[in-house]
Amino acid sequence: MSAAMTIDGAMSAALVDYRSGMCLAQAGSGLNLELAAAGNTQVVRAKLQTMEALGLRKGGIEDILITLADQYHLIRLVPNNAGLFLYLVLDRAKGNLALARYKLTEIERGLKV
């Protein structure tokens, strides 16, 4: 999580198991990451179920973006570790969304659990 916190504008980050909704690792402040992990688990599960119902099997979810007035919330699935996602809260005024997505992808690809 320390690598995620080096992203410009990063406020908090977590590694989440969406099978259980549990936060496996976290960093940063300003947000209850245990609650965010459980809530975003529901978002991931709902999207996966919707894709299955629509028959969208080619490829998979790379990331999910939630845009707030002053923050971006990025959910990046970890395909090499099924059932996990990275969660990043980014300050909109201080961060660069494109660069944050790129760096989160690098972190996801190098993640060893």
PDB file of N, CA and C in Angstrom:
ATOM      1  N   MET A   1       0.814  -1.186   0.000  1.00  0.00           N
ATOM      2  CA  MET A   1       0.000   0.000   0.000  1.00  0.00           C
ATOM      3  C   MET A   1       0.863   1.258   0.000  1.00  0.00           C
ATOM      4  N   SER A   2       2.085   1.095   0.448  1.00  0.00           N
ATOM      5  CA  SER A   2       2.965   2.263   0.458  1.00  0.00           C
ATOM      6  C   SER A   2       3.225   2.760  -0.957  1.00  0.00           C
ATOM      7  N   ALA A   3       3.302   1.861  -1.940  1.00  0.00           N
ATOM      8  CA  ALA A   3       3.497   2.279  -3.334  1.00  0.00           C
ATOM      9  C   ALA A   3       2.296   3.070  -3.834  1.00  0.00           C
ATOM     10  N   ALA A   4       1.103   2.652  -3.474  1.00  0.00           N
ATOM     11  CA  ALA A   4      -0.110   3.372  -3.894  1.00  0.00           C
ATOM     12  C   ALA A   4      -0.142   4.768  -3.284  1.00  0.00           C
ATOM     13  N   MET A   5       0.365   4.908  -2.084  1.00  0.00           N
ATOM     14  CA  MET A   5       0.335   6.209  -1.409  1.00  0.00           C
ATOM     15  C   MET A   5       1.331   7.199  -2.008  1.00  0.00           C
ATOM     16  N   THR A   6       2.244   6.741  -2.879  1.00  0.00           N
ATOM     17  CA  THR A   6       3.174   7.662  -3.545  1.00  0.00           C
ATOM     18  C   THR A   6       2.537   8.309  -4.778  1.00  0.00           C
ATOM     19  N   ILE A   7       1.371   7.836  -5.182  1.00  0.00           N
ATOM     20  CA  ILE A   7       0.664   8.427  -6.318  1.00  0.00           C
ATOM     21  C   ILE A   7       0.213   9.832  -5.927  1.00  0.00           C
ATOM     22  N   ASP A   8       0.502  10.811  -6.787  1.00  0.00           N
ATOM     23  CA  ASP A   8       0.118  12.197  -6.497  1.00  0.00           C
ATOM     24  C   ASP A   8      -1.371  12.292  -6.197  1.00  0.00           C
ATOM     25  N   GLY A   9      -1.715  12.882  -5.065  1.00  0.00           N
ATOM     26  CA  GLY A   9      -3.100  13.078  -4.669  1.00  0.00           C
ATOM     27  C   GLY A   9      -3.708  11.918  -3.900  1.00  0.00           C
ATOM     28  N   ALA A  10      -2.938  10.833  -3.708  1.00  0.00           N
ATOM     29  CA  ALA A  10      -3.470   9.669  -2.981  1.00  0.00           C
ATOM     30  C   ALA A  10      -3.810  10.065  -1.548  1.00  0.00           C
ATOM     31  N   MET A  11      -5.022   9.714  -1.144  1.00  0.00           N
ATOM     32  CA  MET A  11      -5.472   9.990   0.217  1.00  0.00           C
ATOM     33  C   MET A  11      -5.502   8.720   1.059  1.00  0.00           C
ATOM     34  N   SER A  12      -5.915   7.621   0.446  1.00  0.00           N
ATOM     35  CA  SER A  12      -5.925   6.331   1.128  1.00  0.00           C
ATOM     36  C   SER A  12      -5.982   5.228   0.085  1.00  0.00           C
ATOM     37  N   ALA A  13      -5.572   4.033   0.514  1.00  0.00           N
ATOM     38  CA  ALA A  13      -5.526   2.885  -0.387  1.00  0.00           C
ATOM     39  C   ALA A  13      -5.741   1.615   0.421  1.00  0.00           C
ATOM     40  N   ALA A  14      -6.271   0.606  -0.263  1.00  0.00           N
ATOM     41  CA  ALA A  14      -6.509  -0.668   0.412  1.00  0.00           C
ATOM     42  C   ALA A  14      -6.422  -1.806  -0.586  1.00  0.00           C
ATOM     43  N   LEU A  15      -6.087  -2.979  -0.071  1.00  0.00           N
ATOM     44  CA  LEU A  15      -6.177  -4.230  -0.813  1.00  0.00           C
ATOM     45  C   LEU A  15      -7.333  -4.982  -0.181  1.00  0.00           C
ATOM     46  N   VAL A  16      -8.303  -5.379  -1.020  1.00  0.00           N
ATOM     47  CA  VAL A  16      -9.558  -5.937  -0.514  1.00  0.00           C
ATOM     48  C   VAL A  16      -9.829  -7.302  -1.132  1.00  0.00           C
ATOM     49  N   ASP A  17     -10.323  -8.214  -0.320  1.00  0.00           N
ATOM     50  CA  ASP A  17     -10.794  -9.516  -0.781  1.00  0.00           C
ATOM     51  C   ASP A  17     -12.295  -9.395  -0.999  1.00  0.00           C
ATOM     52  N   TYR A  18     -12.745  -9.399  -2.274  1.00  0.00           N
ATOM     53  CA  TYR A  18     -14.174  -9.192  -2.509  1.00  0.00           C
ATOM     54  C   TYR A  18     -15.003 -10.458  -2.316  1.00  0.00           C
ATOM     55  N   ARG A  19     -14.368 -11.568  -2.010  1.00  0.00           N
ATOM     56  CA  ARG A  19     -15.127 -12.768  -1.634  1.00  0.00           C
ATOM     57  C   ARG A  19     -15.664 -12.607  -0.216  1.00  0.00           C
ATOM     58  N   SER A  20     -14.867 -11.977   0.643  1.00  0.00           N
ATOM     59  CA  SER A  20     -15.264 -11.807   2.045  1.00  0.00           C
ATOM     60  C   SER A  20     -15.623 -10.365   2.397  1.00  0.00           C
ATOM     61  N   GLY A  21     -15.163  -9.418   1.592  1.00  0.00           N
ATOM     62  CA  GLY A  21     -15.378  -8.005   1.900  1.00  0.00           C
ATOM     63  C   GLY A  21     -14.367  -7.454   2.887  1.00  0.00           C
ATOM     64  N   MET A  22     -13.346  -8.247   3.193  1.00  0.00           N
ATOM     65  CA  MET A  22     -12.355  -7.855   4.197  1.00  0.00           C
ATOM     66  C   MET A  22     -11.208  -7.051   3.582  1.00  0.00           C
ATOM     67  N   CYS A  23     -10.762  -6.073   4.324  1.00  0.00           N
ATOM     68  CA  CYS A  23      -9.607  -5.265   3.963  1.00  0.00           C
ATOM     69  C   CYS A  23      -8.355  -6.014   4.415  1.00  0.00           C
ATOM     70  N   LEU A  24      -7.482  -6.369   3.457  1.00  0.00           N
ATOM     71  CA  LEU A  24      -6.284  -7.142   3.778  1.00  0.00           C
ATOM     72  C   LEU A  24      -5.089  -6.260   4.133  1.00  0.00           C
ATOM     73  N   ALA A  25      -5.060  -5.065   3.564  1.00  0.00           N
ATOM     74  CA  ALA A  25      -3.984  -4.103   3.843  1.00  0.00           C
ATOM     75  C   ALA A  25      -4.543  -2.716   3.571  1.00  0.00           C
ATOM     76  N   GLN A  26      -4.013  -1.730   4.269  1.00  0.00           N
ATOM     77  CA  GLN A  26      -4.512  -0.373   4.074  1.00  0.00           C
ATOM     78  C   GLN A  26      -3.461   0.658   4.436  1.00  0.00           C
ATOM     79  N   ALA A  27      -3.649   1.855   3.873  1.00  0.00           N
ATOM     80  CA  ALA A  27      -2.762   2.978   4.168  1.00  0.00           C
ATOM     81  C   ALA A  27      -3.543   4.264   3.955  1.00  0.00           C
ATOM     82  N   GLY A  28      -3.086   5.319   4.595  1.00  0.00           N
ATOM     83  CA  GLY A  28      -3.728   6.614   4.439  1.00  0.00           C
ATOM     84  C   GLY A  28      -4.762   6.883   5.515  1.00  0.00           C
ATOM     85  N   SER A  29      -5.461   7.994   5.348  1.00  0.00           N
ATOM     86  CA  SER A  29      -6.429   8.400   6.365  1.00  0.00           C
ATOM     87  C   SER A  29      -7.578   9.170   5.731  1.00  0.00           C
ATOM     88  N   GLY A  30      -8.505   9.596   6.586  1.00  0.00           N
ATOM     89  CA  GLY A  30      -9.621  10.397   6.135  1.00  0.00           C
ATOM     90  C   GLY A  30     -10.831   9.595   5.713  1.00  0.00           C
ATOM     91  N   LEU A  31     -10.756   8.273   5.864  1.00  0.00           N
ATOM     92  CA  LEU A  31     -11.823   7.410   5.393  1.00  0.00           C
ATOM     93  C   LEU A  31     -11.788   6.108   6.184  1.00  0.00           C
ATOM     94  N   ASN A  32     -12.928   5.593   6.548  1.00  0.00           N
ATOM     95  CA  ASN A  32     -13.006   4.287   7.209  1.00  0.00           C
ATOM     96  C   ASN A  32     -12.832   3.225   6.140  1.00  0.00           C
ATOM     97  N   LEU A  33     -11.617   2.716   5.992  1.00  0.00           N
ATOM     98  CA  LEU A  33     -11.314   1.781   4.910  1.00  0.00           C
ATOM     99  C   LEU A  33     -11.972   0.419   5.101  1.00  0.00           C
ATOM    100  N   GLU A  34     -12.260   0.030   6.324  1.00  0.00           N
ATOM    101  CA  GLU A  34     -12.985  -1.231   6.546  1.00  0.00           C
ATOM    102  C   GLU A  34     -14.397  -1.128   5.962  1.00  0.00           C
ATOM    103  N   LEU A  35     -15.049  -0.009   6.222  1.00  0.00           N
ATOM    104  CA  LEU A  35     -16.387   0.223   5.683  1.00  0.00           C
ATOM    105  C   LEU A  35     -16.345   0.384   4.164  1.00  0.00           C
ATOM    106  N   ALA A  36     -15.357   1.105   3.663  1.00  0.00           N
ATOM    107  CA  ALA A  36     -15.206   1.296   2.221  1.00  0.00           C
ATOM    108  C   ALA A  36     -14.952  -0.035   1.516  1.00  0.00           C
ATOM    109  N   ALA A  37     -14.150  -0.904   2.136  1.00  0.00           N
ATOM    110  CA  ALA A  37     -13.876  -2.220   1.551  1.00  0.00           C
ATOM    111  C   ALA A  37     -15.155  -3.028   1.419  1.00  0.00           C
ATOM    112  N   ALA A  38     -15.957  -3.047   2.468  1.00  0.00           N
ATOM    113  CA  ALA A  38     -17.217  -3.797   2.438  1.00  0.00           C
ATOM    114  C   ALA A  38     -18.177  -3.208   1.404  1.00  0.00           C
ATOM    115  N   GLY A  39     -18.299  -1.902   1.356  1.00  0.00           N
ATOM    116  CA  GLY A  39     -19.197  -1.260   0.404  1.00  0.00           C
ATOM    117  C   GLY A  39     -18.770  -1.458  -1.039  1.00  0.00           C
ATOM    118  N   ASN A  40     -17.485  -1.321  -1.295  1.00  0.00           N
ATOM    119  CA  ASN A  40     -16.997  -1.484  -2.663  1.00  0.00           C
ATOM    120  C   ASN A  40     -16.982  -2.946  -3.097  1.00  0.00           C
ATOM    121  N   THR A  41     -16.964  -3.854  -2.146  1.00  0.00           N
ATOM    122  CA  THR A  41     -17.144  -5.270  -2.463  1.00  0.00           C
ATOM    123  C   THR A  41     -18.502  -5.474  -3.115  1.00  0.00           C
ATOM    124  N   GLN A  42     -19.516  -4.794  -2.598  1.00  0.00           N
ATOM    125  CA  GLN A  42     -20.856  -4.900  -3.182  1.00  0.00           C
ATOM    126  C   GLN A  42     -20.884  -4.334  -4.601  1.00  0.00           C
ATOM    127  N   VAL A  43     -20.144  -3.255  -4.831  1.00  0.00           N
ATOM    128  CA  VAL A  43     -20.062  -2.659  -6.169  1.00  0.00           C
ATOM    129  C   VAL A  43     -19.440  -3.658  -7.145  1.00  0.00           C
ATOM    130  N   VAL A  44     -18.332  -4.269  -6.750  1.00  0.00           N
ATOM    131  CA  VAL A  44     -17.638  -5.232  -7.615  1.00  0.00           C
ATOM    132  C   VAL A  44     -18.523  -6.443  -7.891  1.00  0.00           C
ATOM    133  N   ARG A  45     -19.121  -6.979  -6.855  1.00  0.00           N
ATOM    134  CA  ARG A  45     -19.989  -8.155  -7.037  1.00  0.00           C
ATOM    135  C   ARG A  45     -21.154  -7.837  -7.973  1.00  0.00           C
ATOM    136  N   ALA A  46     -21.770  -6.665  -7.790  1.00  0.00           N
ATOM    137  CA  ALA A  46     -22.909  -6.278  -8.637  1.00  0.00           C
ATOM    138  C   ALA A  46     -22.481  -6.167 -10.098  1.00  0.00           C
ATOM    139  N   LYS A  47     -21.333  -5.580 -10.345  1.00  0.00           N
ATOM    140  CA  LYS A  47     -20.865  -5.423 -11.728  1.00  0.00           C
ATOM    141  C   LYS A  47     -20.532  -6.780 -12.342  1.00  0.00           C
ATOM    142  N   LEU A  48     -19.895  -7.654 -11.579  1.00  0.00           N
ATOM    143  CA  LEU A  48     -19.580  -8.988 -12.087  1.00  0.00           C
ATOM    144  C   LEU A  48     -20.858  -9.769 -12.401  1.00  0.00           C
ATOM    145  N   GLN A  49     -21.855  -9.662 -11.547  1.00  0.00           N
ATOM    146  CA  GLN A  49     -23.130 -10.348 -11.789  1.00  0.00           C
ATOM    147  C   GLN A  49     -23.828  -9.791 -13.020  1.00  0.00           C
ATOM    148  N   THR A  50     -23.784  -8.487 -13.197  1.00  0.00           N
ATOM    149  CA  THR A  50     -24.399  -7.856 -14.360  1.00  0.00           C
ATOM    150  C   THR A  50     -23.707  -8.296 -15.640  1.00  0.00           C
ATOM    151  N   MET A  51     -22.383  -8.331 -15.625  1.00  0.00           N
ATOM    152  CA  MET A  51     -21.642  -8.783 -16.798  1.00  0.00           C
ATOM    153  C   MET A  51     -21.988 -10.231 -17.139  1.00  0.00           C
ATOM    154  N   GLU A  52     -22.092 -11.071 -16.127  1.00  0.00           N
ATOM    155  CA  GLU A  52     -22.458 -12.472 -16.331  1.00  0.00           C
ATOM    156  C   GLU A  52     -23.858 -12.569 -16.935  1.00  0.00           C
ATOM    157  N   ALA A  53     -24.802 -11.805 -16.404  1.00  0.00           N
ATOM    158  CA  ALA A  53     -26.177 -11.832 -16.908  1.00  0.00           C
ATOM    159  C   ALA A  53     -26.251 -11.358 -18.358  1.00  0.00           C
ATOM    160  N   LEU A  54     -25.386 -10.433 -18.727  1.00  0.00           N
ATOM    161  CA  LEU A  54     -25.370  -9.911 -20.095  1.00  0.00           C
ATOM    162  C   LEU A  54     -24.542 -10.783 -21.046  1.00  0.00           C
ATOM    163  N   GLY A  55     -23.877 -11.789 -20.489  1.00  0.00           N
ATOM    164  CA  GLY A  55     -23.054 -12.663 -21.317  1.00  0.00           C
ATOM    165  C   GLY A  55     -21.757 -12.017 -21.762  1.00  0.00           C
ATOM    166  N   LEU A  56     -21.295 -11.040 -21.016  1.00  0.00           N
ATOM    167  CA  LEU A  56     -20.037 -10.349 -21.344  1.00  0.00           C
ATOM    168  C   LEU A  56     -18.871 -11.113 -20.735  1.00  0.00           C
ATOM    169  N   ARG A  57     -18.383 -12.090 -21.456  1.00  0.00           N
ATOM    170  CA  ARG A  57     -17.316 -12.944 -20.917  1.00  0.00           C
ATOM    171  C   ARG A  57     -15.938 -12.590 -21.477  1.00  0.00           C
ATOM    172  N   LYS A  58     -15.908 -11.908 -22.602  1.00  0.00           N
ATOM    173  CA  LYS A  58     -14.634 -11.556 -23.217  1.00  0.00           C
ATOM    174  C   LYS A  58     -13.969 -10.452 -22.401  1.00  0.00           C
ATOM    175  N   GLY A  59     -12.757 -10.713 -21.986  1.00  0.00           N
ATOM    176  CA  GLY A  59     -12.070  -9.743 -21.135  1.00  0.00           C
ATOM    177  C   GLY A  59     -12.703  -9.750 -19.755  1.00  0.00           C
ATOM    178  N   GLY A  60     -12.384  -8.809 -18.977  1.00  0.00           N
ATOM    179  CA  GLY A  60     -12.951  -8.689 -17.638  1.00  0.00           C
ATOM    180  C   GLY A  60     -12.879  -7.249 -17.204  1.00  0.00           C
ATOM    181  N   ILE A  61     -13.318  -7.017 -16.012  1.00  0.00           N
ATOM    182  CA  ILE A  61     -13.255  -5.654 -15.481  1.00  0.00           C
ATOM    183  C   ILE A  61     -11.796  -5.321 -15.200  1.00  0.00           C
ATOM    184  N   GLU A  62     -11.343  -4.217 -15.725  1.00  0.00           N
ATOM    185  CA  GLU A  62     -10.011  -3.725 -15.386  1.00  0.00           C
ATOM    186  C   GLU A  62     -10.123  -2.834 -14.161  1.00  0.00           C
ATOM    187  N   ASP A  63     -10.937  -1.788 -14.290  1.00  0.00           N
ATOM    188  CA  ASP A  63     -11.144  -0.935 -13.135  1.00  0.00           C
ATOM    189  C   ASP A  63     -12.525  -0.299 -13.182  1.00  0.00           C
ATOM    190  N   ILE A  64     -12.931   0.194 -12.034  1.00  0.00           N
ATOM    191  CA  ILE A  64     -14.200   0.881 -11.866  1.00  0.00           C
ATOM    192  C   ILE A  64     -13.867   2.250 -11.280  1.00  0.00           C
ATOM    193  N   LEU A  65     -14.443   3.297 -11.858  1.00  0.00           N
ATOM    194  CA  LEU A  65     -14.194   4.659 -11.398  1.00  0.00           C
ATOM    195  C   LEU A  65     -15.470   5.244 -10.814  1.00  0.00           C
ATOM    196  N   ILE A  66     -15.362   5.785  -9.618  1.00  0.00           N
ATOM    197  CA  ILE A  66     -16.459   6.504  -8.983  1.00  0.00           C
ATOM    198  C   ILE A  66     -15.976   7.939  -8.801  1.00  0.00           C
ATOM    199  N   THR A  67     -16.716   8.873  -9.394  1.00  0.00           N
ATOM    200  CA  THR A  67     -16.311  10.267  -9.374  1.00  0.00           C
ATOM    201  C   THR A  67     -17.173  11.049  -8.381  1.00  0.00           C
ATOM    202  N   LEU A  68     -16.524  11.678  -7.418  1.00  0.00           N
ATOM    203  CA  LEU A  68     -17.194  12.550  -6.453  1.00  0.00           C
ATOM    204  C   LEU A  68     -16.772  13.991  -6.743  1.00  0.00           C
ATOM    205  N   ALA A  69     -17.385  14.935  -6.080  1.00  0.00           N
ATOM    206  CA  ALA A  69     -17.087  16.348  -6.324  1.00  0.00           C
ATOM    207  C   ALA A  69     -15.611  16.678  -6.117  1.00  0.00           C
ATOM    208  N   ASP A  70     -15.001  16.089  -5.106  1.00  0.00           N
ATOM    209  CA  ASP A  70     -13.607  16.421  -4.801  1.00  0.00           C
ATOM    210  C   ASP A  70     -12.675  15.211  -4.750  1.00  0.00           C
ATOM    211  N   GLN A  71     -13.173  14.042  -5.130  1.00  0.00           N
ATOM    212  CA  GLN A  71     -12.354  12.827  -5.067  1.00  0.00           C
ATOM    213  C   GLN A  71     -12.672  11.908  -6.240  1.00  0.00           C
ATOM    214  N   TYR A  72     -11.686  11.072  -6.565  1.00  0.00           N
ATOM    215  CA  TYR A  72     -11.885   9.923  -7.438  1.00  0.00           C
ATOM    216  C   TYR A  72     -11.696   8.687  -6.577  1.00  0.00           C
ATOM    217  N   HIS A  73     -12.542   7.700  -6.753  1.00  0.00           N
ATOM    218  CA  HIS A  73     -12.388   6.411  -6.089  1.00  0.00           C
ATOM    219  C   HIS A  73     -12.160   5.385  -7.186  1.00  0.00           C
ATOM    220  N   LEU A  74     -10.979   4.794  -7.195  1.00  0.00           N
ATOM    221  CA  LEU A  74     -10.608   3.808  -8.206  1.00  0.00           C
ATOM    222  C   LEU A  74     -10.616   2.413  -7.595  1.00  0.00           C
ATOM    223  N   ILE A  75     -11.263   1.496  -8.282  1.00  0.00           N
ATOM    224  CA  ILE A  75     -11.274   0.091  -7.891  1.00  0.00           C
ATOM    225  C   ILE A  75     -10.589  -0.661  -9.020  1.00  0.00           C
ATOM    226  N   ARG A  76      -9.472  -1.289  -8.747  1.00  0.00           N
ATOM    227  CA  ARG A  76      -8.686  -2.004  -9.759  1.00  0.00           C
ATOM    228  C   ARG A  76      -8.644  -3.481  -9.395  1.00  0.00           C
ATOM    229  N   LEU A  77      -9.298  -4.326 -10.202  1.00  0.00           N
ATOM    230  CA  LEU A  77      -9.274  -5.759  -9.942  1.00  0.00           C
ATOM    231  C   LEU A  77      -7.880  -6.323 -10.200  1.00  0.00           C
ATOM    232  N   VAL A  78      -7.531  -7.357  -9.466  1.00  0.00           N
ATOM    233  CA  VAL A  78      -6.210  -7.983  -9.561  1.00  0.00           C
ATOM    234  C   VAL A  78      -6.394  -9.349 -10.207  1.00  0.00           C
ATOM    235  N   PRO A  79      -6.264  -9.439 -11.537  1.00  0.00           N
ATOM    236  CA  PRO A  79      -6.562 -10.694 -12.227  1.00  0.00           C
ATOM    237  C   PRO A  79      -5.630 -11.850 -11.859  1.00  0.00           C
ATOM    238  N   ASN A  80      -4.409 -11.553 -11.474  1.00  0.00           N
ATOM    239  CA  ASN A  80      -3.465 -12.615 -11.100  1.00  0.00           C
ATOM    240  C   ASN A  80      -3.725 -13.158  -9.700  1.00  0.00           C
ATOM    241  N   ASN A  81      -4.580 -12.497  -8.952  1.00  0.00           N
ATOM    242  CA  ASN A  81      -4.987 -12.925  -7.614  1.00  0.00           C
ATOM    243  C   ASN A  81      -6.510 -12.814  -7.549  1.00  0.00           C
ATOM    244  N   ALA A  82      -7.180 -13.798  -8.129  1.00  0.00           N
ATOM    245  CA  ALA A  82      -8.639 -13.757  -8.240  1.00  0.00           C
ATOM    246  C   ALA A  82      -9.280 -13.489  -6.881  1.00  0.00           C
ATOM    247  N   GLY A  83     -10.251 -12.601  -6.887  1.00  0.00           N
ATOM    248  CA  GLY A  83     -10.968 -12.275  -5.668  1.00  0.00           C
ATOM    249  C   GLY A  83     -10.447 -11.039  -4.964  1.00  0.00           C
ATOM    250  N   LEU A  84      -9.408 -10.407  -5.518  1.00  0.00           N
ATOM    251  CA  LEU A  84      -8.834  -9.227  -4.867  1.00  0.00           C
ATOM    252  C   LEU A  84      -9.007  -7.986  -5.739  1.00  0.00           C
ATOM    253  N   PHE A  85      -9.113  -6.834  -5.072  1.00  0.00           N
ATOM    254  CA  PHE A  85      -9.041  -5.568  -5.793  1.00  0.00           C
ATOM    255  C   PHE A  85      -8.278  -4.545  -4.975  1.00  0.00           C
ATOM    256  N   LEU A  86      -7.659  -3.613  -5.693  1.00  0.00           N
ATOM    257  CA  LEU A  86      -7.006  -2.466  -5.087  1.00  0.00           C
ATOM    258  C   LEU A  86      -7.998  -1.315  -5.096  1.00  0.00           C
ATOM    259  N   TYR A  87      -8.007  -0.562  -4.031  1.00  0.00           N
ATOM    260  CA  TYR A  87      -8.920   0.572  -3.891  1.00  0.00           C
ATOM    261  C   TYR A  87      -8.087   1.802  -3.576  1.00  0.00           C
ATOM    262  N   LEU A  88      -8.257   2.848  -4.376  1.00  0.00           N
ATOM    263  CA  LEU A  88      -7.492   4.077  -4.196  1.00  0.00           C
ATOM    264  C   LEU A  88      -8.440   5.262  -4.148  1.00  0.00           C
ATOM    265  N   VAL A  89      -8.264   6.109  -3.143  1.00  0.00           N
ATOM    266  CA  VAL A  89      -8.996   7.367  -3.049  1.00  0.00           C
ATOM    267  C   VAL A  89      -8.013   8.470  -3.414  1.00  0.00           C
ATOM    268  N   LEU A  90      -8.399   9.244  -4.421  1.00  0.00           N
ATOM    269  CA  LEU A  90      -7.519  10.261  -4.984  1.00  0.00           C
ATOM    270  C   LEU A  90      -8.166  11.641  -4.860  1.00  0.00           C
ATOM    271  N   ASP A  91      -7.417  12.600  -4.365  1.00  0.00           N
ATOM    272  CA  ASP A  91      -7.876  13.987  -4.291  1.00  0.00           C
ATOM    273  C   ASP A  91      -7.908  14.550  -5.710  1.00  0.00           C
ATOM    274  N   ARG A  92      -9.085  14.985  -6.166  1.00  0.00           N
ATOM    275  CA  ARG A  92      -9.235  15.464  -7.541  1.00  0.00           C
ATOM    276  C   ARG A  92      -8.370  16.680  -7.832  1.00  0.00           C
ATOM    277  N   ALA A  93      -8.192  17.546  -6.854  1.00  0.00           N
ATOM    278  CA  ALA A  93      -7.434  18.779  -7.072  1.00  0.00           C
ATOM    279  C   ALA A  93      -5.927  18.533  -7.148  1.00  0.00           C
ATOM    280  N   LYS A  94      -5.458  17.459  -6.518  1.00  0.00           N
ATOM    281  CA  LYS A  94      -4.017  17.201  -6.443  1.00  0.00           C
ATOM    282  C   LYS A  94      -3.547  16.065  -7.336  1.00  0.00           C
ATOM    283  N   GLY A  95      -4.463  15.219  -7.768  1.00  0.00           N
ATOM    284  CA  GLY A  95      -4.075  14.037  -8.523  1.00  0.00           C
ATOM    285  C   GLY A  95      -4.361  14.155 -10.001  1.00  0.00           C
ATOM    286  N   ASN A  96      -3.741  13.281 -10.745  1.00  0.00           N
ATOM    287  CA  ASN A  96      -3.958  13.157 -12.179  1.00  0.00           C
ATOM    288  C   ASN A  96      -4.569  11.777 -12.399  1.00  0.00           C
ATOM    289  N   LEU A  97      -5.816  11.732 -12.821  1.00  0.00           N
ATOM    290  CA  LEU A  97      -6.536  10.465 -12.944  1.00  0.00           C
ATOM    291  C   LEU A  97      -5.842   9.483 -13.892  1.00  0.00           C
ATOM    292  N   ALA A  98      -5.427   9.957 -15.052  1.00  0.00           N
ATOM    293  CA  ALA A  98      -4.776   9.070 -16.025  1.00  0.00           C
ATOM    294  C   ALA A  98      -3.491   8.482 -15.446  1.00  0.00           C
ATOM    295  N   LEU A  99      -2.685   9.311 -14.817  1.00  0.00           N
ATOM    296  CA  LEU A  99      -1.437   8.837 -14.229  1.00  0.00           C
ATOM    297  C   LEU A  99      -1.708   7.902 -13.059  1.00  0.00           C
ATOM    298  N   ALA A 100      -2.711   8.196 -12.262  1.00  0.00           N
ATOM    299  CA  ALA A 100      -3.064   7.325 -11.133  1.00  0.00           C
ATOM    300  C   ALA A 100      -3.495   5.945 -11.635  1.00  0.00           C
ATOM    301  N   ARG A 101      -4.305   5.900 -12.687  1.00  0.00           N
ATOM    302  CA  ARG A 101      -4.731   4.617 -13.254  1.00  0.00           C
ATOM    303  C   ARG A 101      -3.528   3.839 -13.767  1.00  0.00           C
ATOM    304  N   TYR A 102      -2.607   4.519 -14.422  1.00  0.00           N
ATOM    305  CA  TYR A 102      -1.397   3.875 -14.946  1.00  0.00           C
ATOM    306  C   TYR A 102      -0.567   3.287 -13.808  1.00  0.00           C
ATOM    307  N   LYS A 103      -0.337   4.077 -12.772  1.00  0.00           N
ATOM    308  CA  LYS A 103       0.486   3.620 -11.647  1.00  0.00           C
ATOM    309  C   LYS A 103      -0.204   2.506 -10.863  1.00  0.00           C
ATOM    310  N   LEU A 104      -1.516   2.584 -10.713  1.00  0.00           N
ATOM    311  CA  LEU A 104      -2.252   1.525 -10.014  1.00  0.00           C
ATOM    312  C   LEU A 104      -2.171   0.213 -10.804  1.00  0.00           C
ATOM    313  N   THR A 105      -2.169   0.313 -12.120  1.00  0.00           N
ATOM    314  CA  THR A 105      -2.001  -0.869 -12.975  1.00  0.00           C
ATOM    315  C   THR A 105      -0.632  -1.497 -12.756  1.00  0.00           C
ATOM    316  N   GLU A 106       0.399  -0.670 -12.676  1.00  0.00           N
ATOM    317  CA  GLU A 106       1.755  -1.175 -12.399  1.00  0.00           C
ATOM    318  C   GLU A 106       1.816  -1.887 -11.050  1.00  0.00           C
ATOM    319  N   ILE A 107       1.179  -1.292 -10.056  1.00  0.00           N
ATOM    320  CA  ILE A 107       1.151  -1.891  -8.712  1.00  0.00           C
ATOM    321  C   ILE A 107       0.423  -3.229  -8.755  1.00  0.00           C
ATOM    322  N   GLU A 108      -0.729  -3.261  -9.426  1.00  0.00           N
ATOM    323  CA  GLU A 108      -1.527  -4.487  -9.543  1.00  0.00           C
ATOM    324  C   GLU A 108      -0.725  -5.597 -10.209  1.00  0.00           C
ATOM    325  N   ARG A 109       0.001  -5.280 -11.263  1.00  0.00           N
ATOM    326  CA  ARG A 109       0.771  -6.301 -11.990  1.00  0.00           C
ATOM    327  C   ARG A 109       1.941  -6.838 -11.182  1.00  0.00           C
ATOM    328  N   GLY A 110       2.483  -6.023 -10.301  1.00  0.00           N
ATOM    329  CA  GLY A 110       3.612  -6.461  -9.493  1.00  0.00           C
ATOM    330  C   GLY A 110       3.230  -6.987  -8.120  1.00  0.00           C
ATOM    331  N   LEU A 111       1.935  -7.037  -7.841  1.00  0.00           N
ATOM    332  CA  LEU A 111       1.464  -7.434  -6.518  1.00  0.00           C
ATOM    333  C   LEU A 111       1.738  -8.895  -6.241  1.00  0.00           C
ATOM    334  N   LYS A 112       2.314  -9.160  -5.095  1.00  0.00           N
ATOM    335  CA  LYS A 112       2.559 -10.537  -4.639  1.00  0.00           C
ATOM    336  C   LYS A 112       1.881 -10.708  -3.299  1.00  0.00           C
ATOM    337  N   VAL A 113       0.923 -11.638  -3.242  1.00  0.00           N
ATOM    338  CA  VAL A 113       0.162 -11.852  -2.006  1.00  0.00           C
ATOM    339  C   VAL A 113       0.516 -13.211  -1.437  1.00  0.00           C
TER     340      VAL A 113
END
